[in-house]
């Protein structure tokens, strides 16, 4: 007797009979109570519902949260990592990434509207959302004008899971090109622990020394991690 062909795995759990009612209830809670009215898995579930209209997306949402350790990890995960979760297609991954992009755009706008040193919490909120959950170390430089307004926010290097190549000369040259009066260095620790390493301290001091005779002030070096952040300035390390 010939064997039956194997059917592909279903992308997610088929919707229960009350799927439409459940979605209506989620929508009602969202529209009347805002985002705080929904749990983390419900926020992701509703987002996925827009991309997968005929599937019960709750199990997929919960699987994403388990895989990436929370809603921050889900939003910052790259598309390739997202699609490795069963039930997530390119379309679903794009829905997650556009939600993340919108959130980052809103937070960055808050940073740009006032002098950075007088708007420090807004800066930390932006950096946490953009960098704290990244699985790869990323080094960026925030360039400020004489009024400490943000004029450029650039990622200068992306490294392996635990290091990013940073060159003092490249940081200073770029600041000169942009006419920066001051800079803030930022990078993340994928381990989650934002404690500075000896290398972090060394490169920070080298950049501060190189910029000083050129009138380029290094305000701070911020290290972001899932478990908080560290300011080298506040620690007395620069």
Protein backbone atom coordinates (compact mmCIF):
# COMPACT_ATOMS: atom_id res chain seq x y z
CA UNK A 1 0.00 0.00 0.00
CA UNK A 2 1.57 3.35 -1.00
CA UNK A 3 2.46 5.69 1.83
CA UNK A 4 0.45 8.85 2.24
CA UNK A 5 2.21 12.14 1.53
CA UNK A 6 3.37 14.08 4.59
CA UNK A 7 1.47 17.26 5.20
CA UNK A 8 3.41 20.38 6.25
CA UNK A 9 3.13 21.53 9.82
CA UNK A 10 0.36 24.01 10.43
CA UNK A 11 1.80 27.50 11.01
CA UNK A 12 0.01 27.85 14.33
CA UNK A 13 -2.89 26.53 16.36
CA UNK A 14 -6.17 26.69 14.37
CA UNK A 15 -8.52 29.35 15.70
CA UNK A 16 -11.06 28.26 18.33
CA UNK A 17 -14.77 28.81 17.74
CA UNK A 18 -14.69 32.09 19.69
CA UNK A 19 -11.75 33.61 17.80
CA UNK A 20 -13.79 36.49 16.40
CA UNK A 21 -15.29 37.26 19.81
CA UNK A 22 -11.88 37.08 21.49
CA UNK A 23 -10.40 39.50 18.97
CA UNK A 24 -13.33 41.87 19.41
CA UNK A 25 -12.78 41.85 23.16
CA UNK A 26 -9.05 42.55 22.77
CA UNK A 27 -9.83 45.38 20.38
CA UNK A 28 -12.36 46.87 22.79
CA UNK A 29 -9.92 46.77 25.70
CA UNK A 30 -7.19 48.34 23.56
CA UNK A 31 -9.38 51.16 22.28
CA UNK A 32 -10.90 52.01 25.65
CA UNK A 33 -7.99 51.35 27.98
CA UNK A 34 -4.94 51.82 25.75
CA UNK A 35 -1.88 49.59 25.72
CA UNK A 36 -1.85 49.24 29.51
CA UNK A 37 -5.13 47.31 29.28
CA UNK A 38 -3.40 44.40 27.53
CA UNK A 39 -0.78 41.98 28.84
CA UNK A 40 2.50 41.59 26.97
CA UNK A 41 1.39 38.43 25.16
CA UNK A 42 -1.89 40.12 24.23
CA UNK A 43 -0.07 43.06 22.65
CA UNK A 44 2.01 40.71 20.51
CA UNK A 45 -1.04 38.55 19.83
CA UNK A 46 -3.04 41.50 18.54
CA UNK A 47 -0.15 42.70 16.39
CA UNK A 48 0.16 39.24 14.83
CA UNK A 49 -3.60 39.11 14.24
CA UNK A 50 -3.18 41.95 11.76
CA UNK A 51 -0.64 39.92 9.79
CA UNK A 52 -2.25 36.46 10.28
CA UNK A 53 -5.99 37.15 10.21
CA UNK A 54 -7.29 33.56 10.26
CA UNK A 55 -5.08 31.95 12.90
CA UNK A 56 -5.20 31.87 16.70
CA UNK A 57 -2.06 33.91 17.37
CA UNK A 58 -1.97 33.61 21.17
CA UNK A 59 0.26 30.47 21.18
CA UNK A 60 2.63 32.12 18.70
CA UNK A 61 2.80 35.29 20.81
CA UNK A 62 3.62 33.29 23.94
CA UNK A 63 6.25 31.28 22.04
CA UNK A 64 7.92 34.52 20.94
CA UNK A 65 8.03 35.86 24.49
CA UNK A 66 9.56 32.60 25.74
CA UNK A 67 12.13 32.53 22.95
CA UNK A 68 13.30 36.13 23.32
CA UNK A 69 12.80 36.66 27.03
CA UNK A 70 10.12 39.32 26.94
CA UNK A 71 8.50 41.95 24.77
CA UNK A 72 11.69 44.00 24.45
CA UNK A 73 13.57 41.00 23.11
CA UNK A 74 10.77 40.23 20.64
CA UNK A 75 10.70 43.74 19.20
CA UNK A 76 14.47 44.06 18.88
CA UNK A 77 15.10 40.56 17.47
CA UNK A 78 16.15 40.56 13.83
CA UNK A 79 13.81 39.20 11.18
CA UNK A 80 15.80 36.02 10.61
CA UNK A 81 15.62 35.11 14.29
CA UNK A 82 11.89 35.84 14.41
CA UNK A 83 11.09 33.59 11.46
CA UNK A 84 12.82 30.67 13.17
CA UNK A 85 9.89 30.61 15.61
CA UNK A 86 7.14 28.29 14.37
CA UNK A 87 4.24 30.28 13.01
CA UNK A 88 6.21 33.43 12.13
CA UNK A 89 6.45 34.22 8.43
CA UNK A 90 8.23 37.12 6.75
CA UNK A 91 4.94 39.00 6.86
CA UNK A 92 4.58 38.49 10.61
CA UNK A 93 8.22 39.42 11.21
CA UNK A 94 7.69 42.62 9.21
CA UNK A 95 4.70 43.53 11.39
CA UNK A 96 6.85 43.17 14.51
CA UNK A 97 9.72 45.17 13.03
CA UNK A 98 7.48 48.03 11.90
CA UNK A 99 6.03 48.27 15.41
CA UNK A 100 9.56 48.47 16.81
CA UNK A 101 10.59 51.08 14.21
CA UNK A 102 7.62 53.30 15.10
CA UNK A 103 8.39 53.07 18.82
CA UNK A 104 12.04 53.97 18.25
CA UNK A 105 11.09 56.88 15.98
CA UNK A 106 8.81 58.32 18.68
CA UNK A 107 11.44 57.99 21.41
CA UNK A 108 14.15 59.51 19.21
CA UNK A 109 11.92 62.50 18.45
CA UNK A 110 11.69 63.19 22.19
CA UNK A 111 15.50 63.22 22.41
CA UNK A 112 15.86 65.60 19.46
CA UNK A 113 13.42 68.21 20.70
CA UNK A 114 15.49 69.48 23.66
CA UNK A 115 19.18 69.78 24.68
CA UNK A 116 20.33 66.25 25.48
CA UNK A 117 21.89 67.06 28.85
CA UNK A 118 18.59 68.55 30.01
CA UNK A 119 16.63 65.62 28.61
CA UNK A 120 18.64 62.73 30.01
CA UNK A 121 15.77 60.39 30.87
CA UNK A 122 14.37 60.66 27.35
CA UNK A 123 17.81 59.70 26.03
CA UNK A 124 18.01 56.67 28.31
CA UNK A 125 14.50 55.57 27.32
CA UNK A 126 15.46 55.76 23.64
CA UNK A 127 18.74 53.90 24.08
CA UNK A 128 17.15 51.20 26.22
CA UNK A 129 14.44 50.53 23.65
CA UNK A 130 16.90 50.51 20.76
CA UNK A 131 19.90 48.70 22.25
CA UNK A 132 19.35 46.95 25.57
CA UNK A 133 18.09 43.68 24.09
CA UNK A 134 20.37 43.37 21.06
CA UNK A 135 22.17 40.03 20.79
CA UNK A 136 25.12 41.68 19.02
CA UNK A 137 27.31 44.39 20.50
CA UNK A 138 26.78 47.74 18.80
CA UNK A 139 28.79 50.94 19.27
CA UNK A 140 27.24 54.29 18.42
CA UNK A 141 28.16 57.95 18.76
CA UNK A 142 25.72 60.77 19.46
CA UNK A 143 26.98 64.05 17.99
CA UNK A 144 25.88 67.32 19.63
CA UNK A 145 26.18 70.97 18.64
CA UNK A 146 27.23 73.86 20.88
CA UNK A 147 23.72 73.91 22.42
CA UNK A 148 23.95 70.16 23.16
CA UNK A 149 21.21 69.45 20.62
CA UNK A 150 21.48 66.12 18.82
CA UNK A 151 22.73 66.60 15.26
CA UNK A 152 23.59 63.01 14.36
CA UNK A 153 23.14 59.56 15.85
CA UNK A 154 25.37 57.03 14.14
CA UNK A 155 26.16 53.36 14.64
CA UNK A 156 29.90 53.13 14.00
CA UNK A 157 30.46 49.43 14.44
CA UNK A 158 28.76 46.12 15.11
CA UNK A 159 30.79 43.31 16.59
CA UNK A 160 30.52 39.71 17.58
CA UNK A 161 28.41 38.62 20.52
CA UNK A 162 30.83 40.25 22.95
CA UNK A 163 32.87 42.96 21.20
CA UNK A 164 32.70 45.75 18.67
CA UNK A 165 35.72 47.23 16.89
CA UNK A 166 36.15 50.89 17.86
CA UNK A 167 38.91 53.14 16.51
CA UNK A 168 39.69 56.44 18.21
CA UNK A 169 40.78 58.12 14.98
CA UNK A 170 37.52 57.25 13.20
CA UNK A 171 35.39 58.61 16.05
CA UNK A 172 37.27 61.91 16.16
CA UNK A 173 37.44 62.28 12.37
CA UNK A 174 33.68 61.85 12.09
CA UNK A 175 33.11 64.44 14.84
CA UNK A 176 35.29 66.89 12.92
CA UNK A 177 33.42 66.21 9.68
CA UNK A 178 30.09 66.92 11.37
CA UNK A 179 31.32 69.95 13.30
CA UNK A 180 30.40 68.32 16.59
CA UNK A 181 31.04 70.34 19.74
CA UNK A 182 30.49 67.30 21.95
CA UNK A 183 29.83 63.58 21.71
CA UNK A 184 28.29 60.82 23.79
CA UNK A 185 29.47 57.26 23.31
CA UNK A 186 27.02 54.39 23.70
CA UNK A 187 27.29 50.65 23.41
CA UNK A 188 25.45 47.61 24.68
CA UNK A 189 26.52 44.46 26.49
CA UNK A 190 24.65 41.43 25.09
CA UNK A 191 25.38 39.57 28.33
CA UNK A 192 22.87 41.88 30.02
CA UNK A 193 25.39 43.16 32.58
CA UNK A 194 26.27 46.81 31.82
CA UNK A 195 29.37 46.88 34.04
CA UNK A 196 32.26 48.47 32.11
CA UNK A 197 35.23 46.35 31.15
CA UNK A 198 38.82 47.53 31.29
CA UNK A 199 38.71 47.86 27.49
CA UNK A 200 35.59 50.05 27.75
CA UNK A 201 37.36 52.40 30.16
CA UNK A 202 40.56 52.51 28.08
CA UNK A 203 38.85 53.39 24.79
CA UNK A 204 36.70 56.02 26.52
CA UNK A 205 39.68 57.80 28.01
CA UNK A 206 41.58 57.63 24.71
CA UNK A 207 38.69 59.28 22.83
CA UNK A 208 38.36 61.98 25.52
CA UNK A 209 42.08 62.79 25.30
CA UNK A 210 42.06 62.84 21.48
CA UNK A 211 39.06 65.18 21.33
CA UNK A 212 40.16 67.67 23.97
CA UNK A 213 42.73 69.70 21.93
CA UNK A 214 40.20 69.90 19.08
CA UNK A 215 37.47 71.32 21.28
CA UNK A 216 35.39 68.14 21.11
CA UNK A 217 34.02 67.34 24.57
CA UNK A 218 33.19 63.77 25.57
CA UNK A 219 30.16 64.14 27.82
CA UNK A 220 29.73 60.48 28.71
CA UNK A 221 29.96 56.85 27.71
CA UNK A 222 26.76 54.93 28.42
CA UNK A 223 26.68 51.14 28.50
CA UNK A 224 23.26 49.57 28.06
CA UNK A 225 22.24 46.09 29.21
CA UNK A 226 19.04 44.20 29.82
CA UNK A 227 19.62 44.67 33.55
CA UNK A 228 20.16 48.42 33.51
CA UNK A 229 22.76 50.90 32.34
CA UNK A 230 26.03 52.41 33.53
CA UNK A 231 27.30 55.95 32.96
CA UNK A 232 31.10 56.07 33.01
CA UNK A 233 30.83 59.78 33.85
CA UNK A 234 28.66 59.05 36.88
CA UNK A 235 31.08 56.32 37.95
CA UNK A 236 33.96 58.82 37.90
CA UNK A 237 35.76 56.83 35.20
CA UNK A 238 36.16 59.78 32.80
